[in-house]
Amino acid sequence: IMNRRACLFLAVGTYFGGCLHSLMETALVFRLPFGW
């Protein structure tokens, strides 16, 4: 089950999921207007 392909897939998946999460959160914050 935990062969090289599975290890690579799981590792890449963690980075992909983290990237999607952060893109959404960052876009939601900096779409808003700032004052002085």
PDB file of all heavy atoms in Angstrom:
ATOM      1  N   ILE A   1       0.835  -1.216   0.000  1.00  0.00           N
ATOM      2  CA  ILE A   1       0.000   0.000   0.000  1.00  0.00           C
ATOM      3  C   ILE A   1       0.864   1.258   0.000  1.00  0.00           C
ATOM      4  O   ILE A   1       0.658   2.179  -0.799  1.00  0.00           O
ATOM      5  CB  ILE A   1      -0.943   0.006   1.225  1.00  0.00           C
ATOM      6  CG1 ILE A   1      -1.907  -1.179   1.170  1.00  0.00           C
ATOM      7  CG2 ILE A   1      -1.729   1.318   1.282  1.00  0.00           C
ATOM      8  CD1 ILE A   1      -2.755  -1.350   2.412  1.00  0.00           C
ATOM      9  N   MET A   2       1.835   1.301   0.906  1.00  0.00           N
ATOM     10  CA  MET A   2       2.660   2.499   1.051  1.00  0.00           C
ATOM     11  C   MET A   2       3.922   2.381   0.190  1.00  0.00           C
ATOM     12  O   MET A   2       5.050   2.418   0.667  1.00  0.00           O
ATOM     13  CB  MET A   2       3.025   2.705   2.525  1.00  0.00           C
ATOM     14  CG  MET A   2       3.481   4.124   2.860  1.00  0.00           C
ATOM     15  SD  MET A   2       2.257   5.404   2.504  1.00  0.00           S
ATOM     16  CE  MET A   2       1.136   5.198   3.879  1.00  0.00           C
ATOM     17  N   ASN A   3       3.715   2.243  -1.120  1.00  0.00           N
ATOM     18  CA  ASN A   3       4.846   2.172  -2.037  1.00  0.00           C
ATOM     19  C   ASN A   3       5.323   3.575  -2.397  1.00  0.00           C
ATOM     20  O   ASN A   3       4.771   4.570  -1.906  1.00  0.00           O
ATOM     21  CB  ASN A   3       4.463   1.389  -3.305  1.00  0.00           C
ATOM     22  CG  ASN A   3       3.191   1.921  -3.944  1.00  0.00           C
ATOM     23  OD1 ASN A   3       3.018   3.133  -4.070  1.00  0.00           O
ATOM     24  ND2 ASN A   3       2.294   1.025  -4.347  1.00  0.00           N
ATOM     25  N   ARG A   4       6.348   3.672  -3.235  1.00  0.00           N
ATOM     26  CA  ARG A   4       6.928   4.983  -3.567  1.00  0.00           C
ATOM     27  C   ARG A   4       5.913   5.909  -4.229  1.00  0.00           C
ATOM     28  O   ARG A   4       5.866   7.103  -3.947  1.00  0.00           O
ATOM     29  CB  ARG A   4       8.127   4.796  -4.492  1.00  0.00           C
ATOM     30  CG  ARG A   4       9.344   4.225  -3.808  1.00  0.00           C
ATOM     31  CD  ARG A   4      10.561   4.278  -4.698  1.00  0.00           C
ATOM     32  NE  ARG A   4      11.754   3.795  -4.017  1.00  0.00           N
ATOM     33  CZ  ARG A   4      12.960   3.827  -4.544  1.00  0.00           C
ATOM     34  NH1 ARG A   4      13.147   4.305  -5.780  1.00  0.00           N
ATOM     35  NH2 ARG A   4      13.997   3.364  -3.866  1.00  0.00           N
ATOM     36  N   ARG A   5       5.103   5.342  -5.107  1.00  0.00           N
ATOM     37  CA  ARG A   5       4.105   6.156  -5.801  1.00  0.00           C
ATOM     38  C   ARG A   5       3.082   6.721  -4.820  1.00  0.00           C
ATOM     39  O   ARG A   5       2.698   7.898  -4.910  1.00  0.00           O
ATOM     40  CB  ARG A   5       3.410   5.296  -6.861  1.00  0.00           C
ATOM     41  CG  ARG A   5       2.436   6.066  -7.734  1.00  0.00           C
ATOM     42  CD  ARG A   5       1.851   5.169  -8.811  1.00  0.00           C
ATOM     43  NE  ARG A   5       0.883   5.891  -9.630  1.00  0.00           N
ATOM     44  CZ  ARG A   5       0.201   5.342 -10.619  1.00  0.00           C
ATOM     45  NH1 ARG A   5       0.407   4.061 -10.933  1.00  0.00           N
ATOM     46  NH2 ARG A   5      -0.655   6.053 -11.298  1.00  0.00           N
ATOM     47  N   ALA A   6       2.633   5.873  -3.883  1.00  0.00           N
ATOM     48  CA  ALA A   6       1.667   6.321  -2.881  1.00  0.00           C
ATOM     49  C   ALA A   6       2.268   7.399  -1.982  1.00  0.00           C
ATOM     50  O   ALA A   6       1.614   8.398  -1.659  1.00  0.00           O
ATOM     51  CB  ALA A   6       1.199   5.131  -2.044  1.00  0.00           C
ATOM     52  N   CYS A   7       3.523   7.215  -1.581  1.00  0.00           N
ATOM     53  CA  CYS A   7       4.198   8.211  -0.729  1.00  0.00           C
ATOM     54  C   CYS A   7       4.305   9.552  -1.438  1.00  0.00           C
ATOM     55  O   CYS A   7       4.053  10.610  -0.848  1.00  0.00           O
ATOM     56  CB  CYS A   7       5.589   7.714  -0.335  1.00  0.00           C
ATOM     57  SG  CYS A   7       5.579   6.360   0.841  1.00  0.00           S
ATOM     58  N   LEU A   8       4.678   9.517  -2.719  1.00  0.00           N
ATOM     59  CA  LEU A   8       4.790  10.743  -3.494  1.00  0.00           C
ATOM     60  C   LEU A   8       3.434  11.414  -3.658  1.00  0.00           C
ATOM     61  O   LEU A   8       3.305  12.637  -3.488  1.00  0.00           O
ATOM     62  CB  LEU A   8       5.392  10.438  -4.871  1.00  0.00           C
ATOM     63  CG  LEU A   8       5.590  11.628  -5.815  1.00  0.00           C
ATOM     64  CD1 LEU A   8       6.559  12.643  -5.198  1.00  0.00           C
ATOM     65  CD2 LEU A   8       6.089  11.164  -7.181  1.00  0.00           C
ATOM     66  N   PHE A   9       2.413  10.624  -3.952  1.00  0.00           N
ATOM     67  CA  PHE A   9       1.064  11.156  -4.128  1.00  0.00           C
ATOM     68  C   PHE A   9       0.557  11.812  -2.841  1.00  0.00           C
ATOM     69  O   PHE A   9      -0.010  12.914  -2.870  1.00  0.00           O
ATOM     70  CB  PHE A   9       0.120  10.025  -4.548  1.00  0.00           C
ATOM     71  CG  PHE A   9      -1.323  10.436  -4.665  1.00  0.00           C
ATOM     72  CD1 PHE A   9      -1.786  11.121  -5.780  1.00  0.00           C
ATOM     73  CD2 PHE A   9      -2.227  10.148  -3.647  1.00  0.00           C
ATOM     74  CE1 PHE A   9      -3.110  11.507  -5.882  1.00  0.00           C
ATOM     75  CE2 PHE A   9      -3.553  10.532  -3.729  1.00  0.00           C
ATOM     76  CZ  PHE A   9      -3.995  11.212  -4.863  1.00  0.00           C
ATOM     77  N   LEU A  10       0.765  11.154  -1.711  1.00  0.00           N
ATOM     78  CA  LEU A  10       0.310  11.697  -0.426  1.00  0.00           C
ATOM     79  C   LEU A  10       1.056  12.983  -0.071  1.00  0.00           C
ATOM     80  O   LEU A  10       0.455  13.952   0.421  1.00  0.00           O
ATOM     81  CB  LEU A  10       0.496  10.654   0.679  1.00  0.00           C
ATOM     82  CG  LEU A  10      -0.467   9.458   0.632  1.00  0.00           C
ATOM     83  CD1 LEU A  10      -0.021   8.382   1.611  1.00  0.00           C
ATOM     84  CD2 LEU A  10      -1.893   9.900   0.938  1.00  0.00           C
ATOM     85  N   ALA A  11       2.367  13.002  -0.317  1.00  0.00           N
ATOM     86  CA  ALA A  11       3.160  14.202  -0.009  1.00  0.00           C
ATOM     87  C   ALA A  11       2.726  15.386  -0.872  1.00  0.00           C
ATOM     88  O   ALA A  11       2.510  16.498  -0.365  1.00  0.00           O
ATOM     89  CB  ALA A  11       4.644  13.911  -0.207  1.00  0.00           C
ATOM     90  N   VAL A  12       2.584  15.142  -2.176  1.00  0.00           N
ATOM     91  CA  VAL A  12       2.151  16.213  -3.085  1.00  0.00           C
ATOM     92  C   VAL A  12       0.748  16.680  -2.719  1.00  0.00           C
ATOM     93  O   VAL A  12       0.445  17.880  -2.761  1.00  0.00           O
ATOM     94  CB  VAL A  12       2.201  15.729  -4.555  1.00  0.00           C
ATOM     95  CG1 VAL A  12       1.551  16.754  -5.482  1.00  0.00           C
ATOM     96  CG2 VAL A  12       3.647  15.484  -4.981  1.00  0.00           C
ATOM     97  N   GLY A  13      -0.112  15.744  -2.332  1.00  0.00           N
ATOM     98  CA  GLY A  13      -1.479  16.092  -1.951  1.00  0.00           C
ATOM     99  C   GLY A  13      -1.548  17.032  -0.765  1.00  0.00           C
ATOM    100  O   GLY A  13      -2.402  17.928  -0.722  1.00  0.00           O
ATOM    101  N   THR A  14      -0.649  16.857   0.201  1.00  0.00           N
ATOM    102  CA  THR A  14      -0.652  17.752   1.363  1.00  0.00           C
ATOM    103  C   THR A  14      -0.314  19.185   0.952  1.00  0.00           C
ATOM    104  O   THR A  14      -0.944  20.140   1.426  1.00  0.00           O
ATOM    105  CB  THR A  14       0.355  17.276   2.431  1.00  0.00           C
ATOM    106  OG1 THR A  14       1.676  17.283   1.890  1.00  0.00           O
ATOM    107  CG2 THR A  14       0.022  15.884   2.925  1.00  0.00           C
ATOM    108  N   TYR A  15       0.672  19.334   0.046  1.00  0.00           N
ATOM    109  CA  TYR A  15       1.046  20.677  -0.423  1.00  0.00           C
ATOM    110  C   TYR A  15      -0.070  21.298  -1.273  1.00  0.00           C
ATOM    111  O   TYR A  15      -0.347  22.493  -1.162  1.00  0.00           O
ATOM    112  CB  TYR A  15       2.340  20.611  -1.237  1.00  0.00           C
ATOM    113  CG  TYR A  15       3.575  20.363  -0.404  1.00  0.00           C
ATOM    114  CD1 TYR A  15       4.055  19.066  -0.213  1.00  0.00           C
ATOM    115  CD2 TYR A  15       4.260  21.414   0.206  1.00  0.00           C
ATOM    116  CE1 TYR A  15       5.184  18.825   0.557  1.00  0.00           C
ATOM    117  CE2 TYR A  15       5.389  21.180   0.974  1.00  0.00           C
ATOM    118  CZ  TYR A  15       5.842  19.883   1.149  1.00  0.00           C
ATOM    119  OH  TYR A  15       6.964  19.645   1.915  1.00  0.00           O
ATOM    120  N   PHE A  16      -0.698  20.483  -2.103  1.00  0.00           N
ATOM    121  CA  PHE A  16      -1.782  20.986  -2.955  1.00  0.00           C
ATOM    122  C   PHE A  16      -2.952  21.461  -2.098  1.00  0.00           C
ATOM    123  O   PHE A  16      -3.514  22.539  -2.331  1.00  0.00           O
ATOM    124  CB  PHE A  16      -2.230  19.880  -3.917  1.00  0.00           C
ATOM    125  CG  PHE A  16      -3.318  20.311  -4.863  1.00  0.00           C
ATOM    126  CD1 PHE A  16      -3.045  21.185  -5.908  1.00  0.00           C
ATOM    127  CD2 PHE A  16      -4.618  19.834  -4.705  1.00  0.00           C
ATOM    128  CE1 PHE A  16      -4.048  21.586  -6.774  1.00  0.00           C
ATOM    129  CE2 PHE A  16      -5.631  20.234  -5.567  1.00  0.00           C
ATOM    130  CZ  PHE A  16      -5.342  21.114  -6.610  1.00  0.00           C
ATOM    131  N   GLY A  17      -3.323  20.659  -1.103  1.00  0.00           N
ATOM    132  CA  GLY A  17      -4.420  21.052  -0.210  1.00  0.00           C
ATOM    133  C   GLY A  17      -4.097  22.308   0.575  1.00  0.00           C
ATOM    134  O   GLY A  17      -4.946  23.195   0.728  1.00  0.00           O
ATOM    135  N   GLY A  18      -2.870  22.411   1.072  1.00  0.00           N
ATOM    136  CA  GLY A  18      -2.457  23.604   1.812  1.00  0.00           C
ATOM    137  C   GLY A  18      -2.471  24.842   0.950  1.00  0.00           C
ATOM    138  O   GLY A  18      -2.860  25.930   1.397  1.00  0.00           O
ATOM    139  N   CYS A  19      -2.072  24.699  -0.318  1.00  0.00           N
ATOM    140  CA  CYS A  19      -2.056  25.830  -1.246  1.00  0.00           C
ATOM    141  C   CYS A  19      -3.467  26.334  -1.531  1.00  0.00           C
ATOM    142  O   CYS A  19      -3.728  27.540  -1.521  1.00  0.00           O
ATOM    143  CB  CYS A  19      -1.357  25.429  -2.536  1.00  0.00           C
ATOM    144  SG  CYS A  19      -1.140  26.780  -3.706  1.00  0.00           S
ATOM    145  N   LEU A  20      -4.393  25.421  -1.787  1.00  0.00           N
ATOM    146  CA  LEU A  20      -5.788  25.811  -2.051  1.00  0.00           C
ATOM    147  C   LEU A  20      -6.389  26.534  -0.852  1.00  0.00           C
ATOM    148  O   LEU A  20      -7.061  27.566  -0.998  1.00  0.00           O
ATOM    149  CB  LEU A  20      -6.626  24.573  -2.386  1.00  0.00           C
ATOM    150  CG  LEU A  20      -6.464  23.952  -3.768  1.00  0.00           C
ATOM    151  CD1 LEU A  20      -7.397  22.759  -3.920  1.00  0.00           C
ATOM    152  CD2 LEU A  20      -6.746  24.979  -4.862  1.00  0.00           C
ATOM    153  N   HIS A  21      -6.156  25.987   0.329  1.00  0.00           N
ATOM    154  CA  HIS A  21      -6.666  26.599   1.560  1.00  0.00           C
ATOM    155  C   HIS A  21      -6.149  28.026   1.715  1.00  0.00           C
ATOM    156  O   HIS A  21      -6.909  28.969   1.965  1.00  0.00           O
ATOM    157  CB  HIS A  21      -6.235  25.751   2.762  1.00  0.00           C
ATOM    158  CG  HIS A  21      -6.310  26.453   4.075  1.00  0.00           C
ATOM    159  ND1 HIS A  21      -7.459  26.533   4.821  1.00  0.00           N
ATOM    160  CD2 HIS A  21      -5.364  27.140   4.779  1.00  0.00           C
ATOM    161  CE1 HIS A  21      -7.230  27.231   5.924  1.00  0.00           C
ATOM    162  NE2 HIS A  21      -5.957  27.602   5.923  1.00  0.00           N
ATOM    163  N   SER A  22      -4.841  28.200   1.541  1.00  0.00           N
ATOM    164  CA  SER A  22      -4.240  29.511   1.752  1.00  0.00           C
ATOM    165  C   SER A  22      -4.637  30.516   0.677  1.00  0.00           C
ATOM    166  O   SER A  22      -4.831  31.713   0.964  1.00  0.00           O
ATOM    167  CB  SER A  22      -2.714  29.379   1.800  1.00  0.00           C
ATOM    168  OG  SER A  22      -2.125  30.600   2.180  1.00  0.00           O
ATOM    169  N   LEU A  23      -4.763  30.068  -0.564  1.00  0.00           N
ATOM    170  CA  LEU A  23      -5.200  30.968  -1.642  1.00  0.00           C
ATOM    171  C   LEU A  23      -6.567  31.561  -1.331  1.00  0.00           C
ATOM    172  O   LEU A  23      -6.783  32.767  -1.503  1.00  0.00           O
ATOM    173  CB  LEU A  23      -5.250  30.207  -2.967  1.00  0.00           C
ATOM    174  CG  LEU A  23      -3.955  30.096  -3.765  1.00  0.00           C
ATOM    175  CD1 LEU A  23      -4.152  29.190  -4.973  1.00  0.00           C
ATOM    176  CD2 LEU A  23      -3.467  31.480  -4.216  1.00  0.00           C
ATOM    177  N   MET A  24      -7.481  30.720  -0.867  1.00  0.00           N
ATOM    178  CA  MET A  24      -8.821  31.200  -0.545  1.00  0.00           C
ATOM    179  C   MET A  24      -8.793  32.194   0.611  1.00  0.00           C
ATOM    180  O   MET A  24      -9.400  33.274   0.535  1.00  0.00           O
ATOM    181  CB  MET A  24      -9.720  30.018  -0.187  1.00  0.00           C
ATOM    182  CG  MET A  24     -11.157  30.416   0.121  1.00  0.00           C
ATOM    183  SD  MET A  24     -12.161  29.055   0.731  1.00  0.00           S
ATOM    184  CE  MET A  24     -11.441  28.808   2.352  1.00  0.00           C
ATOM    185  N   GLU A  25      -8.080  31.849   1.684  1.00  0.00           N
ATOM    186  CA  GLU A  25      -8.032  32.728   2.854  1.00  0.00           C
ATOM    187  C   GLU A  25      -7.364  34.068   2.522  1.00  0.00           C
ATOM    188  O   GLU A  25      -7.839  35.131   2.931  1.00  0.00           O
ATOM    189  CB  GLU A  25      -7.261  32.027   3.985  1.00  0.00           C
ATOM    190  CG  GLU A  25      -7.958  30.820   4.574  1.00  0.00           C
ATOM    191  CD  GLU A  25      -9.133  31.196   5.460  1.00  0.00           C
ATOM    192  OE1 GLU A  25      -9.425  32.394   5.611  1.00  0.00           O
ATOM    193  OE2 GLU A  25      -9.770  30.268   5.993  1.00  0.00           O
ATOM    194  N   THR A  26      -6.258  34.016   1.783  1.00  0.00           N
ATOM    195  CA  THR A  26      -5.535  35.246   1.437  1.00  0.00           C
ATOM    196  C   THR A  26      -6.360  36.146   0.529  1.00  0.00           C
ATOM    197  O   THR A  26      -6.420  37.371   0.723  1.00  0.00           O
ATOM    198  CB  THR A  26      -4.195  34.904   0.749  1.00  0.00           C
ATOM    199  OG1 THR A  26      -3.455  34.010   1.582  1.00  0.00           O
ATOM    200  CG2 THR A  26      -3.366  36.152   0.508  1.00  0.00           C
ATOM    201  N   ALA A  27      -7.018  35.550  -0.462  1.00  0.00           N
ATOM    202  CA  ALA A  27      -7.848  36.327  -1.394  1.00  0.00           C
ATOM    203  C   ALA A  27      -9.015  36.983  -0.670  1.00  0.00           C
ATOM    204  O   ALA A  27      -9.360  38.148  -0.949  1.00  0.00           O
ATOM    205  CB  ALA A  27      -8.358  35.425  -2.511  1.00  0.00           C
ATOM    206  N   LEU A  28      -9.609  36.290   0.288  1.00  0.00           N
ATOM    207  CA  LEU A  28     -10.740  36.838   1.039  1.00  0.00           C
ATOM    208  C   LEU A  28     -10.327  38.040   1.881  1.00  0.00           C
ATOM    209  O   LEU A  28     -11.095  38.991   2.044  1.00  0.00           O
ATOM    210  CB  LEU A  28     -11.352  35.764   1.934  1.00  0.00           C
ATOM    211  CG  LEU A  28     -12.314  34.777   1.273  1.00  0.00           C
ATOM    212  CD1 LEU A  28     -12.714  33.681   2.254  1.00  0.00           C
ATOM    213  CD2 LEU A  28     -13.556  35.494   0.755  1.00  0.00           C
ATOM    214  N   VAL A  29      -9.105  38.013   2.423  1.00  0.00           N
ATOM    215  CA  VAL A  29      -8.638  39.113   3.275  1.00  0.00           C
ATOM    216  C   VAL A  29      -8.286  40.342   2.444  1.00  0.00           C
ATOM    217  O   VAL A  29      -8.761  41.455   2.715  1.00  0.00           O
ATOM    218  CB  VAL A  29      -7.418  38.672   4.110  1.00  0.00           C
ATOM    219  CG1 VAL A  29      -6.796  39.889   4.827  1.00  0.00           C
ATOM    220  CG2 VAL A  29      -7.816  37.616   5.118  1.00  0.00           C
ATOM    221  N   PHE A  30      -7.492  40.164   1.393  1.00  0.00           N
ATOM    222  CA  PHE A  30      -6.939  41.318   0.683  1.00  0.00           C
ATOM    223  C   PHE A  30      -7.821  41.826  -0.462  1.00  0.00           C
ATOM    224  O   PHE A  30      -7.418  42.722  -1.193  1.00  0.00           O
ATOM    225  CB  PHE A  30      -5.530  40.994   0.195  1.00  0.00           C
ATOM    226  CG  PHE A  30      -4.535  40.917   1.328  1.00  0.00           C
ATOM    227  CD1 PHE A  30      -4.150  39.686   1.841  1.00  0.00           C
ATOM    228  CD2 PHE A  30      -4.026  42.066   1.911  1.00  0.00           C
ATOM    229  CE1 PHE A  30      -3.249  39.601   2.892  1.00  0.00           C
ATOM    230  CE2 PHE A  30      -3.135  41.996   2.955  1.00  0.00           C
ATOM    231  CZ  PHE A  30      -2.737  40.767   3.460  1.00  0.00           C
ATOM    232  N   ARG A  31      -9.024  41.267  -0.598  1.00  0.00           N
ATOM    233  CA  ARG A  31     -10.013  41.860  -1.517  1.00  0.00           C
ATOM    234  C   ARG A  31     -10.711  43.039  -0.852  1.00  0.00           C
ATOM    235  O   ARG A  31     -11.349  43.850  -1.507  1.00  0.00           O
ATOM    236  CB  ARG A  31     -11.064  40.815  -1.903  1.00  0.00           C
ATOM    237  CG  ARG A  31     -11.989  40.433  -0.760  1.00  0.00           C
ATOM    238  CD  ARG A  31     -13.015  39.405  -1.109  1.00  0.00           C
ATOM    239  NE  ARG A  31     -13.790  39.018   0.068  1.00  0.00           N
ATOM    240  CZ  ARG A  31     -14.849  39.687   0.523  1.00  0.00           C
ATOM    241  NH1 ARG A  31     -15.277  40.769  -0.106  1.00  0.00           N
ATOM    242  NH2 ARG A  31     -15.484  39.290   1.615  1.00  0.00           N
ATOM    243  N   LEU A  32     -10.577  43.143   0.491  1.00  0.00           N
ATOM    244  CA  LEU A  32     -11.254  44.172   1.264  1.00  0.00           C
ATOM    245  C   LEU A  32     -10.465  45.487   1.260  1.00  0.00           C
ATOM    246  O   LEU A  32      -9.241  45.478   1.119  1.00  0.00           O
ATOM    247  CB  LEU A  32     -11.452  43.697   2.712  1.00  0.00           C
ATOM    248  CG  LEU A  32     -12.321  42.439   2.887  1.00  0.00           C
ATOM    249  CD1 LEU A  32     -12.253  41.946   4.324  1.00  0.00           C
ATOM    250  CD2 LEU A  32     -13.761  42.730   2.489  1.00  0.00           C
ATOM    251  N   PRO A  33     -11.152  46.619   1.424  1.00  0.00           N
ATOM    252  CA  PRO A  33     -10.455  47.926   1.432  1.00  0.00           C
ATOM    253  C   PRO A  33      -9.804  48.214   2.783  1.00  0.00           C
ATOM    254  O   PRO A  33     -10.294  47.789   3.822  1.00  0.00           O
ATOM    255  CB  PRO A  33     -11.596  48.914   1.166  1.00  0.00           C
ATOM    256  CG  PRO A  33     -12.807  48.250   1.750  1.00  0.00           C
ATOM    257  CD  PRO A  33     -12.628  46.772   1.520  1.00  0.00           C
ATOM    258  N   PHE A  34      -8.682  48.943   2.745  1.00  0.00           N
ATOM    259  CA  PHE A  34      -7.977  49.338   3.954  1.00  0.00           C
ATOM    260  C   PHE A  34      -8.047  50.857   4.108  1.00  0.00           C
ATOM    261  O   PHE A  34      -8.116  51.596   3.117  1.00  0.00           O
ATOM    262  CB  PHE A  34      -6.520  48.890   3.915  1.00  0.00           C
ATOM    263  CG  PHE A  34      -6.349  47.407   4.048  1.00  0.00           C
ATOM    264  CD1 PHE A  34      -6.403  46.584   2.924  1.00  0.00           C
ATOM    265  CD2 PHE A  34      -6.141  46.826   5.283  1.00  0.00           C
ATOM    266  CE1 PHE A  34      -6.257  45.211   3.033  1.00  0.00           C
ATOM    267  CE2 PHE A  34      -5.989  45.442   5.409  1.00  0.00           C
ATOM    268  CZ  PHE A  34      -6.047  44.645   4.285  1.00  0.00           C
ATOM    269  N   GLY A  35      -8.000  51.323   5.353  1.00  0.00           N
ATOM    270  CA  GLY A  35      -7.985  52.760   5.627  1.00  0.00           C
ATOM    271  C   GLY A  35      -6.563  53.268   5.797  1.00  0.00           C
ATOM    272  O   GLY A  35      -5.616  52.698   5.258  1.00  0.00           O
ATOM    273  N   TRP A  36      -6.413  54.324   6.603  1.00  0.00           N
ATOM    274  CA  TRP A  36      -5.097  54.917   6.781  1.00  0.00           C
ATOM    275  C   TRP A  36      -4.263  54.189   7.837  1.00  0.00           C
ATOM    276  O   TRP A  36      -3.050  54.319   7.880  1.00  0.00           O
ATOM    277  CB  TRP A  36      -5.236  56.385   7.189  1.00  0.00           C
ATOM    278  CG  TRP A  36      -6.055  56.591   8.435  1.00  0.00           C
ATOM    279  CD1 TRP A  36      -7.406  56.778   8.516  1.00  0.00           C
ATOM    280  CD2 TRP A  36      -5.578  56.606   9.792  1.00  0.00           C
ATOM    281  NE1 TRP A  36      -7.813  56.900   9.825  1.00  0.00           N
ATOM    282  CE2 TRP A  36      -6.696  56.807  10.633  1.00  0.00           C
ATOM    283  CE3 TRP A  36      -4.319  56.475  10.370  1.00  0.00           C
ATOM    284  CZ2 TRP A  36      -6.595  56.869  12.015  1.00  0.00           C
ATOM    285  CZ3 TRP A  36      -4.213  56.536  11.744  1.00  0.00           C
ATOM    286  CH2 TRP A  36      -5.349  56.735  12.553  1.00  0.00           C
TER     287      TRP A  36
END
